[in-house]
């Protein structure tokens, strides 16, 4: 390729407002700003929805666990009430066997 001695022509410069940050160029048109703001707000809203969904799942899970614990405690209270009656029943049976005598004990089995 032969050169004629003239410098190569540069592309025509189009003036526009831009902001260069760390090598990236962001054009500052109003339309593009609006699009960017809309995308950012949409992303924040999506993150909020996902966070709320996870929080609702945790709350529901803890409520289920709490309800199960309450049911278990109620069942344990009933069992404890029955266990508290056992010594009295055993005392009654022992009293009956003493009253019936030694021969009644062997025959009752």
PDB file of N, CA and C in Angstrom:
ATOM      1  N   UNK A   1       0.844  -1.157   0.000  1.00  0.00           N
ATOM      2  CA  UNK A   1       0.000   0.000   0.000  1.00  0.00           C
ATOM      3  C   UNK A   1       0.898   1.232   0.000  1.00  0.00           C
ATOM      4  N   UNK A   2       0.677   2.067  -0.892  1.00  0.00           N
ATOM      5  CA  UNK A   2       1.498   3.272  -1.052  1.00  0.00           C
ATOM      6  C   UNK A   2       0.842   4.427  -0.338  1.00  0.00           C
ATOM      7  N   UNK A   3       1.638   5.226   0.327  1.00  0.00           N
ATOM      8  CA  UNK A   3       1.107   6.398   1.020  1.00  0.00           C
ATOM      9  C   UNK A   3       1.493   7.635   0.233  1.00  0.00           C
ATOM     10  N   UNK A   4       0.642   8.582   0.207  1.00  0.00           N
ATOM     11  CA  UNK A   4       0.872   9.779  -0.581  1.00  0.00           C
ATOM     12  C   UNK A   4       1.547  10.888   0.220  1.00  0.00           C
ATOM     13  N   UNK A   5       1.838  10.647   1.468  1.00  0.00           N
ATOM     14  CA  UNK A   5       2.483  11.660   2.251  1.00  0.00           C
ATOM     15  C   UNK A   5       1.520  12.528   3.036  1.00  0.00           C
ATOM     16  N   UNK A   6       0.237  12.359   2.841  1.00  0.00           N
ATOM     17  CA  UNK A   6      -0.728  13.120   3.633  1.00  0.00           C
ATOM     18  C   UNK A   6      -1.192  12.233   4.791  1.00  0.00           C
ATOM     19  N   UNK A   7      -1.537  12.853   5.858  1.00  0.00           N
ATOM     20  CA  UNK A   7      -1.998  12.108   7.036  1.00  0.00           C
ATOM     21  C   UNK A   7      -3.379  11.529   6.758  1.00  0.00           C
ATOM     22  N   UNK A   8      -3.643  10.378   7.304  1.00  0.00           N
ATOM     23  CA  UNK A   8      -4.977   9.804   7.105  1.00  0.00           C
ATOM     24  C   UNK A   8      -6.039  10.689   7.739  1.00  0.00           C
ATOM     25  N   UNK A   9      -7.186  10.700   7.114  1.00  0.00           N
ATOM     26  CA  UNK A   9      -8.268  11.550   7.613  1.00  0.00           C
ATOM     27  C   UNK A   9      -8.946  10.881   8.801  1.00  0.00           C
ATOM     28  N   UNK A  10      -9.161  11.640   9.809  1.00  0.00           N
ATOM     29  CA  UNK A  10      -9.857  11.138  10.989  1.00  0.00           C
ATOM     30  C   UNK A  10     -11.356  11.176  10.728  1.00  0.00           C
ATOM     31  N   UNK A  11     -12.059  10.326  11.450  1.00  0.00           N
ATOM     32  CA  UNK A  11     -13.520  10.312  11.331  1.00  0.00           C
ATOM     33  C   UNK A  11     -14.049  11.643  11.815  1.00  0.00           C
ATOM     34  N   UNK A  12     -15.129  12.118  11.216  1.00  0.00           N
ATOM     35  CA  UNK A  12     -15.670  13.409  11.646  1.00  0.00           C
ATOM     36  C   UNK A  12     -16.093  13.336  13.110  1.00  0.00           C
ATOM     37  N   UNK A  13     -15.815  14.354  13.840  1.00  0.00           N
ATOM     38  CA  UNK A  13     -16.118  14.399  15.269  1.00  0.00           C
ATOM     39  C   UNK A  13     -17.564  14.832  15.465  1.00  0.00           C
ATOM     40  N   UNK A  14     -18.303  14.009  16.188  1.00  0.00           N
ATOM     41  CA  UNK A  14     -19.683  14.346  16.497  1.00  0.00           C
ATOM     42  C   UNK A  14     -19.743  14.787  17.961  1.00  0.00           C
ATOM     43  N   UNK A  15     -20.084  15.985  18.190  1.00  0.00           N
ATOM     44  CA  UNK A  15     -20.114  16.427  19.595  1.00  0.00           C
ATOM     45  C   UNK A  15     -21.308  15.818  20.320  1.00  0.00           C
ATOM     46  N   UNK A  16     -21.063  15.267  21.475  1.00  0.00           N
ATOM     47  CA  UNK A  16     -22.130  14.787  22.356  1.00  0.00           C
ATOM     48  C   UNK A  16     -21.607  14.849  23.781  1.00  0.00           C
ATOM     49  N   UNK A  17     -22.543  14.937  24.674  1.00  0.00           N
ATOM     50  CA  UNK A  17     -22.149  14.976  26.079  1.00  0.00           C
ATOM     51  C   UNK A  17     -21.937  13.563  26.570  1.00  0.00           C
ATOM     52  N   UNK A  18     -20.811  13.306  27.155  1.00  0.00           N
ATOM     53  CA  UNK A  18     -20.555  11.980  27.700  1.00  0.00           C
ATOM     54  C   UNK A  18     -19.749  12.103  28.981  1.00  0.00           C
ATOM     55  N   UNK A  19     -19.765  11.055  29.716  1.00  0.00           N
ATOM     56  CA  UNK A  19     -19.056  11.002  30.981  1.00  0.00           C
ATOM     57  C   UNK A  19     -18.193   9.757  30.960  1.00  0.00           C
ATOM     58  N   UNK A  20     -16.909   9.905  31.130  1.00  0.00           N
ATOM     59  CA  UNK A  20     -16.007   8.763  31.112  1.00  0.00           C
ATOM     60  C   UNK A  20     -15.648   8.390  32.544  1.00  0.00           C
ATOM     61  N   UNK A  21     -16.003   7.192  32.930  1.00  0.00           N
ATOM     62  CA  UNK A  21     -15.681   6.684  34.260  1.00  0.00           C
ATOM     63  C   UNK A  21     -14.983   5.346  34.115  1.00  0.00           C
ATOM     64  N   UNK A  22     -13.756   5.263  34.528  1.00  0.00           N
ATOM     65  CA  UNK A  22     -12.975   4.027  34.516  1.00  0.00           C
ATOM     66  C   UNK A  22     -12.964   3.392  33.132  1.00  0.00           C
ATOM     67  N   UNK A  23     -12.859   4.181  32.110  1.00  0.00           N
ATOM     68  CA  UNK A  23     -12.761   3.653  30.762  1.00  0.00           C
ATOM     69  C   UNK A  23     -14.080   3.447  30.064  1.00  0.00           C
ATOM     70  N   UNK A  24     -15.197   3.455  30.809  1.00  0.00           N
ATOM     71  CA  UNK A  24     -16.507   3.280  30.190  1.00  0.00           C
ATOM     72  C   UNK A  24     -17.079   4.654  29.886  1.00  0.00           C
ATOM     73  N   UNK A  25     -17.712   4.775  28.761  1.00  0.00           N
ATOM     74  CA  UNK A  25     -18.303   6.048  28.366  1.00  0.00           C
ATOM     75  C   UNK A  25     -19.807   5.931  28.495  1.00  0.00           C
ATOM     76  N   UNK A  26     -20.413   6.853  29.232  1.00  0.00           N
ATOM     77  CA  UNK A  26     -21.860   6.861  29.394  1.00  0.00           C
ATOM     78  C   UNK A  26     -22.401   8.134  28.763  1.00  0.00           C
ATOM     79  N   UNK A  27     -23.280   7.963  27.814  1.00  0.00           N
ATOM     80  CA  UNK A  27     -23.874   9.112  27.139  1.00  0.00           C
ATOM     81  C   UNK A  27     -24.957   9.685  28.041  1.00  0.00           C
ATOM     82  N   UNK A  28     -25.015  10.997  28.128  1.00  0.00           N
ATOM     83  CA  UNK A  28     -25.902  11.664  29.059  1.00  0.00           C
ATOM     84  C   UNK A  28     -27.146  12.241  28.397  1.00  0.00           C
ATOM     85  N   UNK A  29     -27.719  11.521  27.442  1.00  0.00           N
ATOM     86  CA  UNK A  29     -28.969  11.980  26.839  1.00  0.00           C
ATOM     87  C   UNK A  29     -30.089  11.804  27.859  1.00  0.00           C
ATOM     88  N   UNK A  30     -31.102  12.627  27.753  1.00  0.00           N
ATOM     89  CA  UNK A  30     -32.241  12.532  28.664  1.00  0.00           C
ATOM     90  C   UNK A  30     -32.966  11.202  28.486  1.00  0.00           C
ATOM     91  N   UNK A  31     -33.108  10.783  27.232  1.00  0.00           N
ATOM     92  CA  UNK A  31     -33.810   9.525  26.947  1.00  0.00           C
ATOM     93  C   UNK A  31     -33.062   8.346  27.561  1.00  0.00           C
ATOM     94  N   UNK A  32     -31.757   8.337  27.413  1.00  0.00           N
ATOM     95  CA  UNK A  32     -30.966   7.232  27.946  1.00  0.00           C
ATOM     96  C   UNK A  32     -30.896   7.278  29.469  1.00  0.00           C
ATOM     97  N   UNK A  33     -30.919   8.473  30.018  1.00  0.00           N
ATOM     98  CA  UNK A  33     -30.970   8.590  31.472  1.00  0.00           C
ATOM     99  C   UNK A  33     -32.272   7.998  32.004  1.00  0.00           C
ATOM    100  N   UNK A  34     -33.360   8.301  31.307  1.00  0.00           N
ATOM    101  CA  UNK A  34     -34.662   7.772  31.711  1.00  0.00           C
ATOM    102  C   UNK A  34     -34.670   6.243  31.621  1.00  0.00           C
ATOM    103  N   UNK A  35     -34.132   5.703  30.551  1.00  0.00           N
ATOM    104  CA  UNK A  35     -34.065   4.249  30.395  1.00  0.00           C
ATOM    105  C   UNK A  35     -33.215   3.648  31.515  1.00  0.00           C
ATOM    106  N   UNK A  36     -32.075   4.263  31.798  1.00  0.00           N
ATOM    107  CA  UNK A  36     -31.213   3.766  32.871  1.00  0.00           C
ATOM    108  C   UNK A  36     -31.882   3.809  34.230  1.00  0.00           C
ATOM    109  N   UNK A  37     -32.561   4.913  34.501  1.00  0.00           N
ATOM    110  CA  UNK A  37     -33.255   5.046  35.783  1.00  0.00           C
ATOM    111  C   UNK A  37     -34.368   4.016  35.907  1.00  0.00           C
ATOM    112  N   UNK A  38     -35.086   3.803  34.796  1.00  0.00           N
ATOM    113  CA  UNK A  38     -36.160   2.806  34.798  1.00  0.00           C
ATOM    114  C   UNK A  38     -35.598   1.410  35.053  1.00  0.00           C
ATOM    115  N   UNK A  39     -34.500   1.079  34.409  1.00  0.00           N
ATOM    116  CA  UNK A  39     -33.878  -0.230  34.625  1.00  0.00           C
ATOM    117  C   UNK A  39     -33.404  -0.392  36.064  1.00  0.00           C
ATOM    118  N   UNK A  40     -32.810   0.639  36.613  1.00  0.00           N
ATOM    119  CA  UNK A  40     -32.335   0.554  38.003  1.00  0.00           C
ATOM    120  C   UNK A  40     -33.499   0.381  38.971  1.00  0.00           C
ATOM    121  N   UNK A  41     -34.553   1.158  38.780  1.00  0.00           N
ATOM    122  CA  UNK A  41     -35.713   1.031  39.659  1.00  0.00           C
ATOM    123  C   UNK A  41     -36.375  -0.325  39.522  1.00  0.00           C
ATOM    124  N   UNK A  42     -36.427  -0.842  38.286  1.00  0.00           N
ATOM    125  CA  UNK A  42     -36.994  -2.172  38.073  1.00  0.00           C
ATOM    126  C   UNK A  42     -36.159  -3.234  38.784  1.00  0.00           C
ATOM    127  N   UNK A  43     -34.853  -3.097  38.713  1.00  0.00           N
ATOM    128  CA  UNK A  43     -33.973  -4.043  39.404  1.00  0.00           C
ATOM    129  C   UNK A  43     -34.138  -3.982  40.903  1.00  0.00           C
ATOM    130  N   UNK A  44     -34.243  -2.771  41.439  1.00  0.00           N
ATOM    131  CA  UNK A  44     -34.446  -2.623  42.883  1.00  0.00           C
ATOM    132  C   UNK A  44     -35.792  -3.212  43.295  1.00  0.00           C
ATOM    133  N   UNK A  45     -36.830  -2.972  42.486  1.00  0.00           N
ATOM    134  CA  UNK A  45     -38.155  -3.525  42.781  1.00  0.00           C
ATOM    135  C   UNK A  45     -38.127  -5.052  42.743  1.00  0.00           C
ATOM    136  N   UNK A  46     -37.446  -5.613  41.750  1.00  0.00           N
ATOM    137  CA  UNK A  46     -37.344  -7.070  41.648  1.00  0.00           C
ATOM    138  C   UNK A  46     -36.616  -7.644  42.859  1.00  0.00           C
ATOM    139  N   UNK A  47     -35.554  -6.996  43.267  1.00  0.00           N
ATOM    140  CA  UNK A  47     -34.820  -7.442  44.448  1.00  0.00           C
ATOM    141  C   UNK A  47     -35.709  -7.376  45.689  1.00  0.00           C
ATOM    142  N   UNK A  48     -36.511  -6.344  45.794  1.00  0.00           N
ATOM    143  CA  UNK A  48     -37.435  -6.227  46.919  1.00  0.00           C
ATOM    144  C   UNK A  48     -38.473  -7.333  46.927  1.00  0.00           C
ATOM    145  N   UNK A  49     -38.997  -7.681  45.757  1.00  0.00           N
ATOM    146  CA  UNK A  49     -39.995  -8.755  45.664  1.00  0.00           C
ATOM    147  C   UNK A  49     -39.378 -10.094  46.051  1.00  0.00           C
ATOM    148  N   UNK A  50     -38.182 -10.354  45.566  1.00  0.00           N
ATOM    149  CA  UNK A  50     -37.511 -11.617  45.897  1.00  0.00           C
ATOM    150  C   UNK A  50     -37.231 -11.675  47.395  1.00  0.00           C
ATOM    151  N   UNK A  51     -36.750 -10.581  47.959  1.00  0.00           N
ATOM    152  CA  UNK A  51     -36.470 -10.536  49.390  1.00  0.00           C
ATOM    153  C   UNK A  51     -37.745 -10.745  50.206  1.00  0.00           C
ATOM    154  N   UNK A  52     -38.833 -10.112  49.792  1.00  0.00           N
ATOM    155  CA  UNK A  52     -40.107 -10.281  50.491  1.00  0.00           C
ATOM    156  C   UNK A  52     -40.601 -11.717  50.404  1.00  0.00           C
ATOM    157  N   UNK A  53     -40.414 -12.358  49.257  1.00  0.00           N
ATOM    158  CA  UNK A  53     -40.834 -13.753  49.100  1.00  0.00           C
ATOM    159  C   UNK A  53     -40.049 -14.667  50.034  1.00  0.00           C
ATOM    160  N   UNK A  54     -38.762 -14.454  50.115  1.00  0.00           N
ATOM    161  CA  UNK A  54     -37.931 -15.273  51.001  1.00  0.00           C
ATOM    162  C   UNK A  54     -38.325 -15.029  52.458  1.00  0.00           C
ATOM    163  N   UNK A  55     -38.546 -13.775  52.820  1.00  0.00           N
ATOM    164  CA  UNK A  55     -38.946 -13.449  54.193  1.00  0.00           C
ATOM    165  C   UNK A  55     -40.301 -14.080  54.527  1.00  0.00           C
ATOM    166  N   UNK A  56     -41.245 -14.031  53.597  1.00  0.00           N
ATOM    167  CA  UNK A  56     -42.561 -14.635  53.819  1.00  0.00           C
ATOM    168  C   UNK A  56     -42.445 -16.142  53.989  1.00  0.00           C
ATOM    169  N   UNK A  57     -41.561 -16.771  53.230  1.00  0.00           N
ATOM    170  CA  UNK A  57     -41.353 -18.217  53.366  1.00  0.00           C
ATOM    171  C   UNK A  57     -40.822 -18.542  54.757  1.00  0.00           C
ATOM    172  N   UNK A  58     -39.833 -17.747  55.221  1.00  0.00           N
ATOM    173  CA  UNK A  58     -39.279 -17.987  56.550  1.00  0.00           C
ATOM    174  C   UNK A  58     -40.338 -17.801  57.626  1.00  0.00           C
ATOM    175  N   UNK A  59     -41.131 -16.746  57.528  1.00  0.00           N
ATOM    176  CA  UNK A  59     -42.168 -16.483  58.527  1.00  0.00           C
ATOM    177  C   UNK A  59     -43.180 -17.621  58.541  1.00  0.00           C
ATOM    178  N   UNK A  60     -43.615 -18.066  57.375  1.00  0.00           N
ATOM    179  CA  UNK A  60     -44.552 -19.188  57.305  1.00  0.00           C
ATOM    180  C   UNK A  60     -43.965 -20.456  57.900  1.00  0.00           C
ATOM    181  N   UNK A  61     -42.711 -20.691  57.617  1.00  0.00           N
ATOM    182  CA  UNK A  61     -42.036 -21.880  58.146  1.00  0.00           C
ATOM    183  C   UNK A  61     -41.958 -21.830  59.666  1.00  0.00           C
ATOM    184  N   UNK A  62     -41.629 -20.654  60.221  1.00  0.00           N
ATOM    185  CA  UNK A  62     -41.555 -20.514  61.675  1.00  0.00           C
ATOM    186  C   UNK A  62     -42.927 -20.631  62.316  1.00  0.00           C
ATOM    187  N   UNK A  63     -43.961 -20.149  61.638  1.00  0.00           N
ATOM    188  CA  UNK A  63     -45.312 -20.279  62.181  1.00  0.00           C
ATOM    189  C   UNK A  63     -45.734 -21.737  62.221  1.00  0.00           C
ATOM    190  N   UNK A  64     -45.401 -22.498  61.178  1.00  0.00           N
ATOM    191  CA  UNK A  64     -45.719 -23.930  61.177  1.00  0.00           C
ATOM    192  C   UNK A  64     -44.998 -24.634  62.309  1.00  0.00           C
ATOM    193  N   UNK A  65     -43.740 -24.294  62.503  1.00  0.00           N
ATOM    194  CA  UNK A  65     -42.961 -24.912  63.568  1.00  0.00           C
ATOM    195  C   UNK A  65     -43.546 -24.554  64.929  1.00  0.00           C
ATOM    196  N   UNK A  66     -43.945 -23.299  65.097  1.00  0.00           N
ATOM    197  CA  UNK A  66     -44.530 -22.867  66.368  1.00  0.00           C
ATOM    198  C   UNK A  66     -45.847 -23.588  66.635  1.00  0.00           C
ATOM    199  N   UNK A  67     -46.663 -23.741  65.607  1.00  0.00           N
ATOM    200  CA  UNK A  67     -47.941 -24.444  65.773  1.00  0.00           C
ATOM    201  C   UNK A  67     -47.698 -25.901  66.150  1.00  0.00           C
ATOM    202  N   UNK A  68     -46.709 -26.537  65.540  1.00  0.00           N
ATOM    203  CA  UNK A  68     -46.394 -27.927  65.871  1.00  0.00           C
ATOM    204  C   UNK A  68     -45.889 -28.034  67.307  1.00  0.00           C
ATOM    205  N   UNK A  69     -45.090 -27.083  67.737  1.00  0.00           N
ATOM    206  CA  UNK A  69     -44.594 -27.097  69.110  1.00  0.00           C
ATOM    207  C   UNK A  69     -45.735 -26.922  70.105  1.00  0.00           C
ATOM    208  N   UNK A  70     -46.688 -26.065  69.773  1.00  0.00           N
ATOM    209  CA  UNK A  70     -47.842 -25.859  70.661  1.00  0.00           C
ATOM    210  C   UNK A  70     -48.657 -27.134  70.769  1.00  0.00           C
ATOM    211  N   UNK A  71     -48.870 -27.820  69.629  1.00  0.00           N
ATOM    212  CA  UNK A  71     -49.601 -29.093  69.663  1.00  0.00           C
ATOM    213  C   UNK A  71     -48.851 -30.125  70.493  1.00  0.00           C
ATOM    214  N   UNK A  72     -47.531 -30.182  70.337  1.00  0.00           N
ATOM    215  CA  UNK A  72     -46.733 -31.133  71.106  1.00  0.00           C
ATOM    216  C   UNK A  72     -46.800 -30.828  72.595  1.00  0.00           C
ATOM    217  N   UNK A  73     -46.733 -29.543  72.944  1.00  0.00           N
ATOM    218  CA  UNK A  73     -46.819 -29.170  74.357  1.00  0.00           C
ATOM    219  C   UNK A  73     -48.165 -29.555  74.944  1.00  0.00           C
ATOM    220  N   UNK A  74     -49.232 -29.372  74.185  1.00  0.00           N
ATOM    221  CA  UNK A  74     -50.567 -29.747  74.671  1.00  0.00           C
ATOM    222  C   UNK A  74     -50.633 -31.256  74.895  1.00  0.00           C
ATOM    223  N   UNK A  75     -50.079 -32.016  73.955  1.00  0.00           N
ATOM    224  CA  UNK A  75     -50.055 -33.468  74.115  1.00  0.00           C
ATOM    225  C   UNK A  75     -49.216 -33.886  75.302  1.00  0.00           C
ATOM    226  N   UNK A  76     -48.100 -33.225  75.507  1.00  0.00           N
ATOM    227  CA  UNK A  76     -47.248 -33.548  76.656  1.00  0.00           C
ATOM    228  C   UNK A  76     -47.935 -33.202  77.976  1.00  0.00           C
ATOM    229  N   UNK A  77     -48.718 -32.137  77.992  1.00  0.00           N
ATOM    230  CA  UNK A  77     -49.461 -31.790  79.213  1.00  0.00           C
ATOM    231  C   UNK A  77     -50.470 -32.877  79.559  1.00  0.00           C
ATOM    232  N   UNK A  78     -51.138 -33.426  78.521  1.00  0.00           N
ATOM    233  CA  UNK A  78     -52.092 -34.515  78.768  1.00  0.00           C
ATOM    234  C   UNK A  78     -51.378 -35.754  79.307  1.00  0.00           C
ATOM    235  N   UNK A  79     -50.249 -36.089  78.728  1.00  0.00           N
ATOM    236  CA  UNK A  79     -49.494 -37.249  79.190  1.00  0.00           C
ATOM    237  C   UNK A  79     -49.023 -37.033  80.622  1.00  0.00           C
ATOM    238  N   UNK A  80     -48.553 -35.840  80.934  1.00  0.00           N
ATOM    239  CA  UNK A  80     -48.096 -35.535  82.277  1.00  0.00           C
ATOM    240  C   UNK A  80     -49.234 -35.635  83.285  1.00  0.00           C
ATOM    241  N   UNK A  81     -50.411 -35.171  82.900  1.00  0.00           N
ATOM    242  CA  UNK A  81     -51.583 -35.276  83.783  1.00  0.00           C
ATOM    243  C   UNK A  81     -51.905 -36.740  84.064  1.00  0.00           C
ATOM    244  N   UNK A  82     -51.834 -37.581  83.052  1.00  0.00           N
ATOM    245  CA  UNK A  82     -52.080 -39.016  83.249  1.00  0.00           C
ATOM    246  C   UNK A  82     -51.003 -39.642  84.120  1.00  0.00           C
ATOM    247  N   UNK A  83     -49.755 -39.253  83.917  1.00  0.00           N
ATOM    248  CA  UNK A  83     -48.663 -39.809  84.718  1.00  0.00           C
ATOM    249  C   UNK A  83     -48.783 -39.406  86.187  1.00  0.00           C
ATOM    250  N   UNK A  84     -49.313 -38.228  86.426  1.00  0.00           N
ATOM    251  CA  UNK A  84     -49.500 -37.803  87.810  1.00  0.00           C
ATOM    252  C   UNK A  84     -50.574 -38.625  88.514  1.00  0.00           C
ATOM    253  N   UNK A  85     -51.482 -39.215  87.760  1.00  0.00           N
ATOM    254  CA  UNK A  85     -52.539 -40.055  88.346  1.00  0.00           C
ATOM    255  C   UNK A  85     -52.035 -41.464  88.641  1.00  0.00           C
ATOM    256  N   UNK A  86     -50.958 -41.886  88.026  1.00  0.00           N
ATOM    257  CA  UNK A  86     -50.467 -43.261  88.156  1.00  0.00           C
ATOM    258  C   UNK A  86     -50.124 -43.625  89.598  1.00  0.00           C
ATOM    259  N   UNK A  87     -49.385 -42.827  90.361  1.00  0.00           N
ATOM    260  CA  UNK A  87     -49.065 -43.243  91.733  1.00  0.00           C
ATOM    261  C   UNK A  87     -50.312 -43.482  92.584  1.00  0.00           C
ATOM    262  N   UNK A  88     -51.333 -42.641  92.397  1.00  0.00           N
ATOM    263  CA  UNK A  88     -52.571 -42.826  93.159  1.00  0.00           C
ATOM    264  C   UNK A  88     -53.235 -44.142  92.777  1.00  0.00           C
ATOM    265  N   UNK A  89     -53.235 -44.467  91.506  1.00  0.00           N
ATOM    266  CA  UNK A  89     -53.835 -45.737  91.052  1.00  0.00           C
ATOM    267  C   UNK A  89     -53.047 -46.932  91.577  1.00  0.00           C
ATOM    268  N   UNK A  90     -51.740 -46.811  91.562  1.00  0.00           N
ATOM    269  CA  UNK A  90     -50.914 -47.898  92.088  1.00  0.00           C
ATOM    270  C   UNK A  90     -51.146 -48.089  93.586  1.00  0.00           C
ATOM    271  N   UNK A  91     -51.281 -46.973  94.297  1.00  0.00           N
ATOM    272  CA  UNK A  91     -51.573 -47.068  95.730  1.00  0.00           C
ATOM    273  C   UNK A  91     -52.915 -47.752  95.962  1.00  0.00           C
ATOM    274  N   UNK A  92     -53.926 -47.433  95.140  1.00  0.00           N
ATOM    275  CA  UNK A  92     -55.251 -48.066  95.263  1.00  0.00           C
ATOM    276  C   UNK A  92     -55.142 -49.567  95.018  1.00  0.00           C
ATOM    277  N   UNK A  93     -54.411 -49.966  93.996  1.00  0.00           N
ATOM    278  CA  UNK A  93     -54.253 -51.401  93.682  1.00  0.00           C
ATOM    279  C   UNK A  93     -53.515 -52.124  94.804  1.00  0.00           C
ATOM    280  N   UNK A  94     -52.479 -51.489  95.321  1.00  0.00           N
ATOM    281  CA  UNK A  94     -51.734 -52.120  96.417  1.00  0.00           C
ATOM    282  C   UNK A  94     -52.639 -52.277  97.628  1.00  0.00           C
ATOM    283  N   UNK A  95     -53.472 -51.273  97.888  1.00  0.00           N
ATOM    284  CA  UNK A  95     -54.409 -51.337  99.014  1.00  0.00           C
ATOM    285  C   UNK A  95     -55.415 -52.472  98.808  1.00  0.00           C
ATOM    286  N   UNK A  96     -55.930 -52.621  97.587  1.00  0.00           N
ATOM    287  CA  UNK A  96     -56.885 -53.692  97.288  1.00  0.00           C
ATOM    288  C   UNK A  96     -56.241 -55.059  97.475  1.00  0.00           C
ATOM    289  N   UNK A  97     -55.004 -55.209  97.051  1.00  0.00           N
ATOM    290  CA  UNK A  97     -54.322 -56.499  97.174  1.00  0.00           C
ATOM    291  C   UNK A  97     -54.046 -56.829  98.636  1.00  0.00           C
ATOM    292  N   UNK A  98     -53.740 -55.810  99.435  1.00  0.00           N
ATOM    293  CA  UNK A  98     -53.534 -56.060 100.866  1.00  0.00           C
ATOM    294  C   UNK A  98     -54.841 -56.485 101.515  1.00  0.00           C
ATOM    295  N   UNK A  99     -55.943 -55.862 101.074  1.00  0.00           N
ATOM    296  CA  UNK A  99     -57.248 -56.212 101.658  1.00  0.00           C
ATOM    297  C   UNK A  99     -57.685 -57.601 101.234  1.00  0.00           C
ATOM    298  N   UNK A 100     -57.366 -58.006  99.985  1.00  0.00           N
ATOM    299  CA  UNK A 100     -57.798 -59.313  99.471  1.00  0.00           C
ATOM    300  C   UNK A 100     -56.964 -60.444 100.085  1.00  0.00           C
ATOM    301  N   UNK A 101     -55.796 -60.171 100.530  1.00  0.00           N
ATOM    302  CA  UNK A 101     -54.949 -61.186 101.152  1.00  0.00           C
ATOM    303  C   UNK A 101     -53.977 -61.791 100.169  1.00  0.00           C
ATOM    304  N   UNK A 102     -53.049 -62.647 100.677  1.00  0.00           N
ATOM    305  CA  UNK A 102     -52.002 -63.227  99.849  1.00  0.00           C
ATOM    306  C   UNK A 102     -52.539 -64.196  98.799  1.00  0.00           C
ATOM    307  N   UNK A 103     -53.584 -64.901  99.043  1.00  0.00           N
ATOM    308  CA  UNK A 103     -54.106 -65.887  98.075  1.00  0.00           C
ATOM    309  C   UNK A 103     -54.757 -65.237  96.890  1.00  0.00           C
ATOM    310  N   UNK A 104     -55.331 -64.075  97.061  1.00  0.00           N
ATOM    311  CA  UNK A 104     -55.995 -63.371  95.952  1.00  0.00           C
ATOM    312  C   UNK A 104     -54.993 -62.852  94.954  1.00  0.00           C
ATOM    313  N   UNK A 105     -53.800 -62.570  95.409  1.00  0.00           N
ATOM    314  CA  UNK A 105     -52.771 -62.074  94.519  1.00  0.00           C
ATOM    315  C   UNK A 105     -52.329 -63.120  93.521  1.00  0.00           C
ATOM    316  N   UNK A 106     -52.150 -64.323  93.961  1.00  0.00           N
ATOM    317  CA  UNK A 106     -51.702 -65.390  93.078  1.00  0.00           C
ATOM    318  C   UNK A 106     -52.788 -65.762  92.084  1.00  0.00           C
ATOM    319  N   UNK A 107     -54.024 -65.710  92.499  1.00  0.00           N
ATOM    320  CA  UNK A 107     -55.125 -66.108  91.628  1.00  0.00           C
ATOM    321  C   UNK A 107     -55.516 -65.039  90.634  1.00  0.00           C
ATOM    322  N   UNK A 108     -55.122 -63.815  90.831  1.00  0.00           N
ATOM    323  CA  UNK A 108     -55.542 -62.745  89.958  1.00  0.00           C
ATOM    324  C   UNK A 108     -54.741 -62.705  88.660  1.00  0.00           C
ATOM    325  N   UNK A 109     -53.652 -63.405  88.603  1.00  0.00           N
ATOM    326  CA  UNK A 109     -52.833 -63.381  87.379  1.00  0.00           C
ATOM    327  C   UNK A 109     -53.423 -64.259  86.404  1.00  0.00           C
TER     328      UNK A 109
END
